[in-house]
Amino acid sequence: MSHDSASTEDKLIRMANQIATFFDSQPEKERVDGIAGHINKFWEPRMRRQFFDLVDKGHEGFHPMVLSAAQRINRPAPVEARPA
């Protein structure tokens, strides 16, 4: 894995965890929905694909609430390979 991809992964994890930290101050029943809603609304499909790649690989850097919210985050369709 190149340094750039690791850096991109780290940034994505940090951003997701910052969202969880913000929603930590919200009432418990709003936390997971708030995280998922924010990511669904503001993250483009490419970012959500990268997010799910990390979640599916079992990346351990995510805040537990981010992982709980993953069930409610819209998973984008995979990118289809273009014929050569």
Protein backbone atom coordinates (compact mmCIF):
# COMPACT_ATOMS: atom_id res chain seq x y z
CA MET A 1 0.00 0.00 0.00
CA SER A 2 1.44 3.36 -0.97
CA HIS A 3 1.86 6.23 1.46
CA ASP A 4 -0.79 8.24 -0.39
CA SER A 5 -3.48 5.58 0.00
CA ALA A 6 -2.63 5.15 3.69
CA SER A 7 -2.86 8.89 4.11
CA THR A 8 -6.25 8.95 2.35
CA GLU A 9 -7.48 6.11 4.55
CA ASP A 10 -6.27 7.90 7.68
CA LYS A 11 -8.04 11.11 6.64
CA LEU A 12 -11.29 9.27 5.93
CA ILE A 13 -11.17 7.50 9.29
CA ARG A 14 -10.32 10.74 11.08
CA MET A 15 -13.25 12.53 9.39
CA ALA A 16 -15.69 9.74 10.29
CA ASN A 17 -14.45 9.73 13.88
CA GLN A 18 -14.79 13.52 14.11
CA ILE A 19 -18.43 13.19 13.07
CA ALA A 20 -18.92 10.56 15.79
CA THR A 21 -17.25 12.83 18.34
CA PHE A 22 -19.64 15.64 17.43
CA PHE A 23 -22.68 13.41 17.80
CA ASP A 24 -21.35 12.07 21.11
CA SER A 25 -22.81 15.20 22.69
CA GLN A 26 -26.28 14.50 21.26
CA PRO A 27 -28.97 12.43 22.97
CA GLU A 28 -28.20 8.72 22.67
CA LYS A 29 -31.13 7.95 20.38
CA GLU A 30 -29.90 10.54 17.84
CA ARG A 31 -26.21 9.58 17.68
CA VAL A 32 -26.11 6.72 15.17
CA ASP A 33 -28.80 8.24 12.94
CA GLY A 34 -26.98 11.58 13.06
CA ILE A 35 -23.68 10.05 11.96
CA ALA A 36 -25.30 8.07 9.16
CA GLY A 37 -27.38 11.04 8.06
CA HIS A 38 -24.37 13.33 7.92
CA ILE A 39 -22.29 10.86 5.89
CA ASN A 40 -25.21 10.10 3.55
CA LYS A 41 -25.82 13.79 2.97
CA PHE A 42 -22.28 15.14 2.66
CA TRP A 43 -20.02 12.32 1.50
CA GLU A 44 -19.93 11.62 -2.20
CA PRO A 45 -20.25 8.01 -3.41
CA ARG A 46 -16.47 7.67 -3.91
CA MET A 47 -15.86 8.51 -0.24
CA ARG A 48 -18.58 6.13 0.92
CA ARG A 49 -17.07 3.36 -1.27
CA GLN A 50 -13.69 3.92 0.39
CA PHE A 51 -15.41 3.94 3.78
CA PHE A 52 -17.07 0.58 3.14
CA ASP A 53 -13.83 -0.88 1.75
CA LEU A 54 -12.22 -0.11 5.12
CA VAL A 55 -15.21 -1.27 7.18
CA ASP A 56 -15.47 -4.51 5.18
CA LYS A 57 -11.76 -5.18 5.74
CA GLY A 58 -12.32 -4.84 9.48
CA HIS A 59 -10.21 -1.72 9.91
CA GLU A 60 -9.87 -1.11 13.64
CA GLY A 61 -9.44 2.68 13.59
CA PHE A 62 -13.12 3.60 13.56
CA HIS A 63 -15.02 4.92 16.57
CA PRO A 64 -17.58 2.26 17.65
CA MET A 65 -20.49 4.59 16.83
CA VAL A 66 -19.21 4.93 13.25
CA LEU A 67 -19.33 1.16 12.90
CA SER A 68 -22.86 1.11 14.33
CA ALA A 69 -23.88 3.82 11.87
CA ALA A 70 -22.44 1.85 8.93
CA GLN A 71 -25.64 -0.21 8.82
CA ARG A 72 -27.58 2.97 8.01
CA ILE A 73 -25.13 4.54 5.58
CA ASN A 74 -26.09 4.21 1.92
CA ARG A 75 -23.68 1.83 0.23
CA PRO A 76 -22.97 3.10 -3.28
CA ALA A 77 -23.03 0.77 -6.24
CA PRO A 78 -19.62 -0.62 -7.19
CA VAL A 79 -17.79 1.07 -10.01
CA GLU A 80 -18.03 -1.05 -13.12
CA ALA A 81 -14.84 -1.65 -15.04
CA ARG A 82 -14.83 -0.07 -18.46
CA PRO A 83 -13.94 -2.24 -21.44
CA ALA A 84 -10.46 -1.61 -22.78
